[in-house]
Amino acid sequence: MGVAALVALVTGCSAELDPVESSLTWEEAKASAQSTAREIIALIPQEDVVVVNQNATGTLFSCDDTRHRWHGTATVEIASGIDLDSAIKNVERQLNGVLDGRGEFAVTNRLDFFGDYAVMAKSATTQEAYLLGHWEANSIIIDSWSECFTLPEGTYPGGSF
């Protein structure tokens, strides 16, 4: 599970950015992150995709003392014989087209803890982020973190959202 090592990288970096005020609800933030994940998945050639499983719920992570962001995952099982590094690099080349008009995103890549290729797209303005990496033998996982938002007064941030 090479992506797990990069999750700490994304969630641990949130304090370095200045808060950007947003009237976004958690439901809107979640819907936007899930929609973008589906757009990213659509960059994988359909003939290479066996099945897509996008989790219906996710969890919340803190952005700062008052705001949170929604985190969810989608797993894309890829047909046997397809090189996952090549598939992820192909998506990476197309990511800017999906993210155009959504803020200032930096798209970076690296080898994860296990030596597998991984790609991160992170907004410098909203903390929204997407991480693509290997999962089991024939799967790509896409972790999504939404734009930061403020929960309604009295809403407990634990559990599933």
N, C-alpha and C. Protein backbone atom coordinates (compact mmCIF):
# COMPACT_ATOMS: atom_id res chain seq x y z
N MET A 1 0.84 -1.18 0.00
CA MET A 1 0.00 0.00 0.00
C MET A 1 0.88 1.24 0.00
N GLY A 2 1.47 1.58 -1.14
CA GLY A 2 2.40 2.67 -1.26
C GLY A 2 1.79 4.04 -1.07
N VAL A 3 0.54 4.19 -1.35
CA VAL A 3 -0.12 5.49 -1.23
C VAL A 3 -0.18 5.95 0.22
N ALA A 4 -0.26 5.03 1.16
CA ALA A 4 -0.37 5.40 2.58
C ALA A 4 0.77 6.30 3.02
N ALA A 5 1.96 6.07 2.51
CA ALA A 5 3.09 6.90 2.89
C ALA A 5 2.91 8.33 2.41
N LEU A 6 2.22 8.52 1.29
CA LEU A 6 2.00 9.87 0.78
C LEU A 6 0.83 10.57 1.45
N VAL A 7 -0.09 9.81 2.04
CA VAL A 7 -1.22 10.41 2.73
C VAL A 7 -0.71 11.31 3.85
N ALA A 8 0.28 10.84 4.59
CA ALA A 8 0.85 11.63 5.67
C ALA A 8 1.44 12.92 5.13
N LEU A 9 2.01 12.86 3.93
CA LEU A 9 2.59 14.04 3.32
C LEU A 9 1.52 15.10 3.05
N VAL A 10 0.38 14.69 2.51
CA VAL A 10 -0.69 15.62 2.18
C VAL A 10 -1.34 16.19 3.44
N THR A 11 -1.67 15.34 4.37
CA THR A 11 -2.40 15.79 5.54
C THR A 11 -1.52 16.56 6.50
N GLY A 12 -0.23 16.33 6.47
CA GLY A 12 0.67 17.02 7.38
C GLY A 12 1.09 18.39 6.89
N CYS A 13 0.80 18.74 5.65
CA CYS A 13 1.27 20.01 5.10
C CYS A 13 0.25 21.12 5.21
N SER A 14 -0.92 20.85 5.72
CA SER A 14 -2.01 21.82 5.63
C SER A 14 -1.78 23.08 6.44
N ALA A 15 -1.01 23.06 7.50
CA ALA A 15 -0.85 24.23 8.34
C ALA A 15 -0.01 25.32 7.68
N GLU A 16 0.70 25.02 6.61
CA GLU A 16 1.60 26.00 6.03
C GLU A 16 0.89 27.04 5.16
N LEU A 17 -0.35 26.81 4.79
CA LEU A 17 -1.07 27.73 3.92
C LEU A 17 -1.97 28.65 4.73
N ASP A 18 -2.11 29.87 4.23
CA ASP A 18 -3.01 30.81 4.88
C ASP A 18 -4.45 30.43 4.60
N PRO A 19 -5.34 30.58 5.58
CA PRO A 19 -6.74 30.24 5.36
C PRO A 19 -7.36 31.10 4.26
N VAL A 20 -8.16 30.48 3.43
CA VAL A 20 -8.93 31.17 2.41
C VAL A 20 -10.39 31.01 2.82
N GLU A 21 -11.08 32.12 2.98
CA GLU A 21 -12.47 32.06 3.43
C GLU A 21 -13.36 31.48 2.33
N SER A 22 -14.23 30.57 2.70
CA SER A 22 -15.11 29.92 1.74
C SER A 22 -16.47 29.70 2.39
N SER A 23 -17.52 29.86 1.60
CA SER A 23 -18.87 29.60 2.10
C SER A 23 -19.33 28.20 1.72
N LEU A 24 -18.42 27.38 1.26
CA LEU A 24 -18.70 26.02 0.83
C LEU A 24 -19.20 25.17 2.01
N THR A 25 -20.24 24.37 1.77
CA THR A 25 -20.69 23.41 2.78
C THR A 25 -19.89 22.14 2.64
N TRP A 26 -19.94 21.27 3.65
CA TRP A 26 -19.20 20.00 3.54
C TRP A 26 -19.79 19.15 2.42
N GLU A 27 -21.09 19.23 2.22
CA GLU A 27 -21.73 18.45 1.15
C GLU A 27 -21.26 18.91 -0.22
N GLU A 28 -21.15 20.23 -0.40
CA GLU A 28 -20.67 20.76 -1.68
C GLU A 28 -19.20 20.42 -1.90
N ALA A 29 -18.41 20.51 -0.84
CA ALA A 29 -16.98 20.18 -0.93
C ALA A 29 -16.80 18.72 -1.31
N LYS A 30 -17.55 17.84 -0.66
CA LYS A 30 -17.48 16.41 -0.95
C LYS A 30 -17.89 16.13 -2.40
N ALA A 31 -19.01 16.71 -2.82
CA ALA A 31 -19.50 16.49 -4.18
C ALA A 31 -18.49 16.96 -5.22
N SER A 32 -17.86 18.09 -4.97
CA SER A 32 -16.86 18.61 -5.90
C SER A 32 -15.64 17.70 -5.97
N ALA A 33 -15.15 17.24 -4.82
CA ALA A 33 -13.98 16.36 -4.80
C ALA A 33 -14.30 15.03 -5.49
N GLN A 34 -15.49 14.47 -5.24
CA GLN A 34 -15.86 13.22 -5.88
C GLN A 34 -16.01 13.40 -7.39
N SER A 35 -16.57 14.52 -7.80
CA SER A 35 -16.73 14.79 -9.22
C SER A 35 -15.38 14.91 -9.92
N THR A 36 -14.45 15.60 -9.29
CA THR A 36 -13.11 15.73 -9.88
C THR A 36 -12.42 14.38 -9.94
N ALA A 37 -12.59 13.55 -8.91
CA ALA A 37 -12.01 12.20 -8.94
C ALA A 37 -12.56 11.41 -10.13
N ARG A 38 -13.86 11.55 -10.40
CA ARG A 38 -14.45 10.85 -11.56
C ARG A 38 -13.88 11.39 -12.87
N GLU A 39 -13.61 12.69 -12.93
CA GLU A 39 -12.99 13.27 -14.13
C GLU A 39 -11.58 12.72 -14.32
N ILE A 40 -10.86 12.55 -13.22
CA ILE A 40 -9.52 11.98 -13.29
C ILE A 40 -9.60 10.53 -13.76
N ILE A 41 -10.53 9.78 -13.21
CA ILE A 41 -10.72 8.38 -13.61
C ILE A 41 -11.03 8.29 -15.11
N ALA A 42 -11.79 9.24 -15.62
CA ALA A 42 -12.16 9.23 -17.03
C ALA A 42 -10.94 9.43 -17.95
N LEU A 43 -9.81 9.88 -17.39
CA LEU A 43 -8.59 10.03 -18.18
C LEU A 43 -7.93 8.69 -18.48
N ILE A 44 -8.31 7.65 -17.75
CA ILE A 44 -7.78 6.31 -17.98
C ILE A 44 -8.58 5.70 -19.14
N PRO A 45 -7.92 5.19 -20.17
CA PRO A 45 -8.67 4.61 -21.29
C PRO A 45 -9.67 3.55 -20.81
N GLN A 46 -10.91 3.67 -21.24
CA GLN A 46 -11.99 2.77 -20.79
C GLN A 46 -11.66 1.30 -21.01
N GLU A 47 -10.93 1.00 -22.08
CA GLU A 47 -10.59 -0.40 -22.34
C GLU A 47 -9.59 -0.96 -21.32
N ASP A 48 -8.92 -0.08 -20.57
CA ASP A 48 -7.98 -0.51 -19.53
C ASP A 48 -8.65 -0.70 -18.18
N VAL A 49 -9.88 -0.19 -18.03
CA VAL A 49 -10.58 -0.21 -16.73
C VAL A 49 -11.46 -1.44 -16.62
N VAL A 50 -11.27 -2.19 -15.52
CA VAL A 50 -12.12 -3.35 -15.26
C VAL A 50 -13.32 -2.92 -14.41
N VAL A 51 -13.06 -2.23 -13.31
CA VAL A 51 -14.14 -1.76 -12.43
C VAL A 51 -13.65 -0.55 -11.64
N VAL A 52 -14.58 0.35 -11.33
CA VAL A 52 -14.30 1.52 -10.51
C VAL A 52 -15.13 1.42 -9.25
N ASN A 53 -14.50 1.65 -8.12
CA ASN A 53 -15.21 1.68 -6.85
C ASN A 53 -14.89 2.99 -6.15
N GLN A 54 -15.85 3.91 -6.17
CA GLN A 54 -15.68 5.18 -5.46
C GLN A 54 -16.48 5.10 -4.17
N ASN A 55 -15.78 5.22 -3.05
CA ASN A 55 -16.46 5.14 -1.75
C ASN A 55 -17.50 6.24 -1.63
N ALA A 56 -18.68 5.89 -1.12
CA ALA A 56 -19.76 6.85 -0.97
C ALA A 56 -19.53 7.80 0.19
N THR A 57 -18.76 7.36 1.17
CA THR A 57 -18.48 8.21 2.33
C THR A 57 -16.99 8.36 2.51
N GLY A 58 -16.63 9.36 3.30
CA GLY A 58 -15.23 9.61 3.61
C GLY A 58 -15.13 10.15 5.02
N THR A 59 -14.03 10.79 5.31
CA THR A 59 -13.78 11.35 6.64
C THR A 59 -13.34 12.79 6.50
N LEU A 60 -13.27 13.47 7.63
CA LEU A 60 -12.82 14.86 7.63
C LEU A 60 -11.43 14.97 8.24
N PHE A 61 -10.62 15.85 7.66
CA PHE A 61 -9.30 16.20 8.18
C PHE A 61 -9.32 17.69 8.49
N SER A 62 -8.56 18.09 9.48
CA SER A 62 -8.46 19.51 9.82
C SER A 62 -7.60 20.25 8.80
N CYS A 63 -8.04 21.44 8.45
CA CYS A 63 -7.23 22.35 7.65
C CYS A 63 -6.48 23.30 8.59
N ASP A 64 -7.18 23.72 9.63
CA ASP A 64 -6.62 24.60 10.64
C ASP A 64 -7.51 24.49 11.88
N ASP A 65 -7.47 25.48 12.75
CA ASP A 65 -8.24 25.41 14.00
C ASP A 65 -9.76 25.41 13.80
N THR A 66 -10.24 25.94 12.69
CA THR A 66 -11.68 26.07 12.51
C THR A 66 -12.24 25.38 11.27
N ARG A 67 -11.39 25.00 10.34
CA ARG A 67 -11.88 24.46 9.08
C ARG A 67 -11.44 23.02 8.87
N HIS A 68 -12.18 22.33 8.01
CA HIS A 68 -11.92 20.93 7.68
C HIS A 68 -11.93 20.76 6.17
N ARG A 69 -11.50 19.57 5.74
CA ARG A 69 -11.65 19.18 4.35
C ARG A 69 -12.05 17.71 4.32
N TRP A 70 -12.86 17.38 3.35
CA TRP A 70 -13.36 16.02 3.20
C TRP A 70 -12.30 15.18 2.50
N HIS A 71 -12.13 13.94 2.93
CA HIS A 71 -11.20 13.00 2.28
C HIS A 71 -11.94 11.73 1.90
N GLY A 72 -11.78 11.32 0.66
CA GLY A 72 -12.38 10.09 0.18
C GLY A 72 -11.46 9.39 -0.80
N THR A 73 -11.83 8.17 -1.16
CA THR A 73 -11.00 7.40 -2.08
C THR A 73 -11.83 6.74 -3.17
N ALA A 74 -11.16 6.49 -4.26
CA ALA A 74 -11.72 5.70 -5.35
C ALA A 74 -10.63 4.73 -5.79
N THR A 75 -11.02 3.51 -6.09
CA THR A 75 -10.09 2.50 -6.56
C THR A 75 -10.49 2.09 -7.96
N VAL A 76 -9.51 2.06 -8.85
CA VAL A 76 -9.74 1.69 -10.24
C VAL A 76 -8.96 0.41 -10.51
N GLU A 77 -9.69 -0.69 -10.73
CA GLU A 77 -9.02 -1.94 -11.10
C GLU A 77 -8.69 -1.87 -12.58
N ILE A 78 -7.44 -2.13 -12.90
CA ILE A 78 -6.94 -2.03 -14.26
C ILE A 78 -6.76 -3.44 -14.83
N ALA A 79 -7.02 -3.58 -16.13
CA ALA A 79 -6.88 -4.87 -16.81
C ALA A 79 -5.46 -5.41 -16.64
N SER A 80 -5.35 -6.71 -16.50
CA SER A 80 -4.03 -7.32 -16.36
C SER A 80 -3.21 -7.04 -17.62
N GLY A 81 -1.93 -6.89 -17.41
CA GLY A 81 -1.03 -6.60 -18.52
C GLY A 81 -0.77 -5.12 -18.73
N ILE A 82 -1.54 -4.25 -18.08
CA ILE A 82 -1.34 -2.81 -18.20
C ILE A 82 -0.33 -2.39 -17.15
N ASP A 83 0.69 -1.66 -17.55
CA ASP A 83 1.71 -1.16 -16.63
C ASP A 83 1.13 0.03 -15.85
N LEU A 84 1.04 -0.13 -14.53
CA LEU A 84 0.42 0.90 -13.70
C LEU A 84 1.20 2.21 -13.71
N ASP A 85 2.53 2.14 -13.68
CA ASP A 85 3.32 3.37 -13.73
C ASP A 85 3.02 4.15 -15.01
N SER A 86 2.96 3.45 -16.13
CA SER A 86 2.65 4.10 -17.41
C SER A 86 1.24 4.69 -17.41
N ALA A 87 0.29 3.96 -16.83
CA ALA A 87 -1.09 4.45 -16.76
C ALA A 87 -1.16 5.72 -15.92
N ILE A 88 -0.46 5.75 -14.80
CA ILE A 88 -0.47 6.93 -13.94
C ILE A 88 0.23 8.10 -14.62
N LYS A 89 1.34 7.85 -15.31
CA LYS A 89 2.04 8.91 -16.04
C LYS A 89 1.15 9.49 -17.14
N ASN A 90 0.36 8.64 -17.80
CA ASN A 90 -0.57 9.11 -18.82
C ASN A 90 -1.61 10.04 -18.22
N VAL A 91 -2.15 9.68 -17.06
CA VAL A 91 -3.11 10.55 -16.38
C VAL A 91 -2.42 11.86 -15.98
N GLU A 92 -1.21 11.77 -15.47
CA GLU A 92 -0.47 12.96 -15.05
C GLU A 92 -0.35 13.98 -16.19
N ARG A 93 -0.05 13.50 -17.40
CA ARG A 93 0.10 14.40 -18.55
C ARG A 93 -1.19 15.15 -18.86
N GLN A 94 -2.34 14.58 -18.46
CA GLN A 94 -3.63 15.19 -18.78
C GLN A 94 -4.27 15.94 -17.61
N LEU A 95 -3.68 15.86 -16.44
CA LEU A 95 -4.31 16.42 -15.23
C LEU A 95 -4.59 17.91 -15.32
N ASN A 96 -3.68 18.68 -15.88
CA ASN A 96 -3.90 20.13 -15.92
C ASN A 96 -5.18 20.49 -16.67
N GLY A 97 -5.55 19.70 -17.67
CA GLY A 97 -6.79 19.95 -18.39
C GLY A 97 -8.01 19.79 -17.50
N VAL A 98 -7.99 18.81 -16.61
CA VAL A 98 -9.10 18.59 -15.67
C VAL A 98 -9.15 19.70 -14.64
N LEU A 99 -8.00 20.19 -14.22
CA LEU A 99 -7.93 21.14 -13.11
C LEU A 99 -7.97 22.60 -13.57
N ASP A 100 -7.95 22.86 -14.88
CA ASP A 100 -8.03 24.24 -15.38
C ASP A 100 -9.24 24.95 -14.82
N GLY A 101 -9.05 26.18 -14.39
CA GLY A 101 -10.15 26.99 -13.89
C GLY A 101 -10.55 26.66 -12.46
N ARG A 102 -9.83 25.77 -11.80
CA ARG A 102 -10.19 25.36 -10.44
C ARG A 102 -9.23 25.91 -9.41
N GLY A 103 -8.40 26.87 -9.79
CA GLY A 103 -7.42 27.41 -8.86
C GLY A 103 -6.01 27.06 -9.31
N GLU A 104 -5.07 27.38 -8.48
CA GLU A 104 -3.66 27.19 -8.81
C GLU A 104 -3.18 25.84 -8.28
N PHE A 105 -3.07 24.87 -9.15
CA PHE A 105 -2.65 23.52 -8.76
C PHE A 105 -1.20 23.28 -9.17
N ALA A 106 -0.47 22.62 -8.30
CA ALA A 106 0.86 22.14 -8.63
C ALA A 106 0.75 20.63 -8.79
N VAL A 107 1.21 20.12 -9.92
CA VAL A 107 1.20 18.68 -10.17
C VAL A 107 2.64 18.20 -10.05
N THR A 108 2.86 17.28 -9.11
CA THR A 108 4.19 16.75 -8.87
C THR A 108 4.14 15.23 -8.89
N ASN A 109 5.31 14.62 -9.01
CA ASN A 109 5.38 13.16 -8.97
C ASN A 109 6.58 12.74 -8.15
N ARG A 110 6.57 11.49 -7.76
CA ARG A 110 7.66 10.92 -6.99
C ARG A 110 7.50 9.41 -6.94
N LEU A 111 8.53 8.75 -6.49
CA LEU A 111 8.42 7.33 -6.19
C LEU A 111 8.02 7.22 -4.73
N ASP A 112 7.02 6.40 -4.45
CA ASP A 112 6.57 6.26 -3.07
C ASP A 112 7.53 5.35 -2.30
N PHE A 113 7.17 5.05 -1.09
CA PHE A 113 7.98 4.25 -0.18
C PHE A 113 8.37 2.90 -0.78
N PHE A 114 7.50 2.36 -1.62
CA PHE A 114 7.74 1.04 -2.22
C PHE A 114 8.37 1.12 -3.61
N GLY A 115 8.72 2.33 -4.06
CA GLY A 115 9.33 2.51 -5.36
C GLY A 115 8.34 2.61 -6.50
N ASP A 116 7.06 2.75 -6.19
CA ASP A 116 6.03 2.89 -7.22
C ASP A 116 5.81 4.36 -7.55
N TYR A 117 5.43 4.63 -8.78
CA TYR A 117 5.20 5.99 -9.26
C TYR A 117 3.90 6.53 -8.66
N ALA A 118 3.92 7.75 -8.17
CA ALA A 118 2.73 8.40 -7.61
C ALA A 118 2.69 9.85 -8.07
N VAL A 119 1.49 10.39 -8.21
CA VAL A 119 1.28 11.76 -8.67
C VAL A 119 0.40 12.49 -7.68
N MET A 120 0.78 13.73 -7.38
CA MET A 120 0.00 14.59 -6.48
C MET A 120 -0.36 15.87 -7.22
N ALA A 121 -1.64 16.25 -7.15
CA ALA A 121 -2.09 17.55 -7.64
C ALA A 121 -2.66 18.27 -6.44
N LYS A 122 -2.07 19.40 -6.07
CA LYS A 122 -2.49 20.12 -4.86
C LYS A 122 -2.65 21.60 -5.17
N SER A 123 -3.74 22.16 -4.68
CA SER A 123 -4.02 23.57 -4.87
C SER A 123 -3.26 24.41 -3.84
N ALA A 124 -2.61 25.43 -4.33
CA ALA A 124 -1.90 26.35 -3.45
C ALA A 124 -2.87 27.32 -2.76
N THR A 125 -4.09 27.38 -3.23
CA THR A 125 -5.04 28.36 -2.69
C THR A 125 -6.13 27.75 -1.81
N THR A 126 -6.53 26.51 -2.09
CA THR A 126 -7.68 25.94 -1.37
C THR A 126 -7.35 24.69 -0.56
N GLN A 127 -6.16 24.14 -0.71
CA GLN A 127 -5.72 22.89 -0.09
C GLN A 127 -6.41 21.66 -0.69
N GLU A 128 -7.22 21.83 -1.72
CA GLU A 128 -7.80 20.70 -2.43
C GLU A 128 -6.65 19.90 -3.04
N ALA A 129 -6.74 18.55 -2.99
CA ALA A 129 -5.63 17.74 -3.49
C ALA A 129 -6.13 16.38 -3.98
N TYR A 130 -5.36 15.81 -4.90
CA TYR A 130 -5.65 14.48 -5.46
C TYR A 130 -4.33 13.72 -5.55
N LEU A 131 -4.33 12.50 -5.06
CA LEU A 131 -3.15 11.65 -5.05
C LEU A 131 -3.46 10.36 -5.78
N LEU A 132 -2.66 10.04 -6.78
CA LEU A 132 -2.83 8.80 -7.55
C LEU A 132 -1.62 7.93 -7.31
N GLY A 133 -1.88 6.68 -7.00
CA GLY A 133 -0.79 5.74 -6.81
C GLY A 133 -1.27 4.32 -6.97
N HIS A 134 -0.35 3.40 -6.79
CA HIS A 134 -0.66 1.98 -6.89
C HIS A 134 -1.45 1.53 -5.68
N TRP A 135 -2.25 0.56 -5.89
CA TRP A 135 -2.93 -0.13 -4.82
C TRP A 135 -2.59 -1.58 -5.04
N GLU A 136 -3.38 -2.49 -4.80
CA GLU A 136 -3.05 -3.90 -5.00
C GLU A 136 -2.44 -4.13 -6.38
N ALA A 137 -2.27 -5.36 -6.74
CA ALA A 137 -1.55 -5.74 -7.95
C ALA A 137 -2.01 -5.00 -9.22
N ASN A 138 -3.29 -4.86 -9.44
CA ASN A 138 -3.78 -4.25 -10.67
C ASN A 138 -4.70 -3.07 -10.41
N SER A 139 -4.41 -2.26 -9.41
CA SER A 139 -5.31 -1.16 -9.09
C SER A 139 -4.58 0.15 -8.89
N ILE A 140 -5.27 1.21 -9.25
CA ILE A 140 -4.82 2.58 -8.98
C ILE A 140 -5.81 3.14 -7.97
N ILE A 141 -5.27 3.81 -6.94
CA ILE A 141 -6.14 4.45 -5.97
C ILE A 141 -6.02 5.96 -6.16
N ILE A 142 -7.15 6.62 -6.03
CA ILE A 142 -7.18 8.08 -6.09
C ILE A 142 -7.72 8.57 -4.76
N ASP A 143 -6.86 9.22 -3.99
CA ASP A 143 -7.28 9.87 -2.76
C ASP A 143 -7.65 11.30 -3.10
N SER A 144 -8.75 11.76 -2.53
CA SER A 144 -9.24 13.12 -2.79
C SER A 144 -9.39 13.88 -1.48
N TRP A 145 -8.92 15.11 -1.47
CA TRP A 145 -9.12 16.01 -0.34
C TRP A 145 -9.80 17.25 -0.89
N SER A 146 -10.92 17.62 -0.30
CA SER A 146 -11.70 18.75 -0.80
C SER A 146 -11.08 20.08 -0.41
N GLU A 147 -11.67 21.12 -0.95
CA GLU A 147 -11.39 22.48 -0.50
C GLU A 147 -11.79 22.58 0.97
N CYS A 148 -11.13 23.46 1.70
CA CYS A 148 -11.44 23.65 3.13
C CYS A 148 -12.79 24.35 3.30
N PHE A 149 -13.48 24.00 4.37
CA PHE A 149 -14.79 24.56 4.68
C PHE A 149 -14.97 24.60 6.19
N THR A 150 -15.97 25.36 6.62
CA THR A 150 -16.31 25.44 8.03
C THR A 150 -17.57 24.63 8.27
N LEU A 151 -17.51 23.73 9.24
CA LEU A 151 -18.68 22.92 9.59
C LEU A 151 -19.73 23.78 10.30
N PRO A 152 -20.99 23.43 10.16
CA PRO A 152 -22.03 24.14 10.92
C PRO A 152 -21.78 23.99 12.43
N GLU A 153 -22.14 24.98 13.16
CA GLU A 153 -22.00 24.97 14.62
C GLU A 153 -22.60 23.70 15.20
N GLY A 154 -21.85 23.05 16.06
CA GLY A 154 -22.34 21.84 16.74
C GLY A 154 -22.16 20.54 15.99
N THR A 155 -21.59 20.58 14.78
CA THR A 155 -21.38 19.37 14.00
C THR A 155 -20.09 18.69 14.45
N TYR A 156 -20.19 17.45 14.86
CA TYR A 156 -19.02 16.68 15.28
C TYR A 156 -18.28 16.20 14.04
N PRO A 157 -16.96 16.49 13.93
CA PRO A 157 -16.22 16.15 12.71
C PRO A 157 -15.77 14.70 12.62
N GLY A 158 -16.08 13.86 13.59
CA GLY A 158 -15.67 12.46 13.54
C GLY A 158 -16.70 11.62 12.77
N GLY A 159 -16.33 10.41 12.46
CA GLY A 159 -17.24 9.52 11.76
C GLY A 159 -17.17 9.67 10.26
N SER A 160 -18.18 9.15 9.60
CA SER A 160 -18.23 9.15 8.13
C SER A 160 -19.05 10.33 7.62
N PHE A 161 -18.62 10.88 6.53
CA PHE A 161 -19.33 12.00 5.88
C PHE A 161 -19.54 11.71 4.42
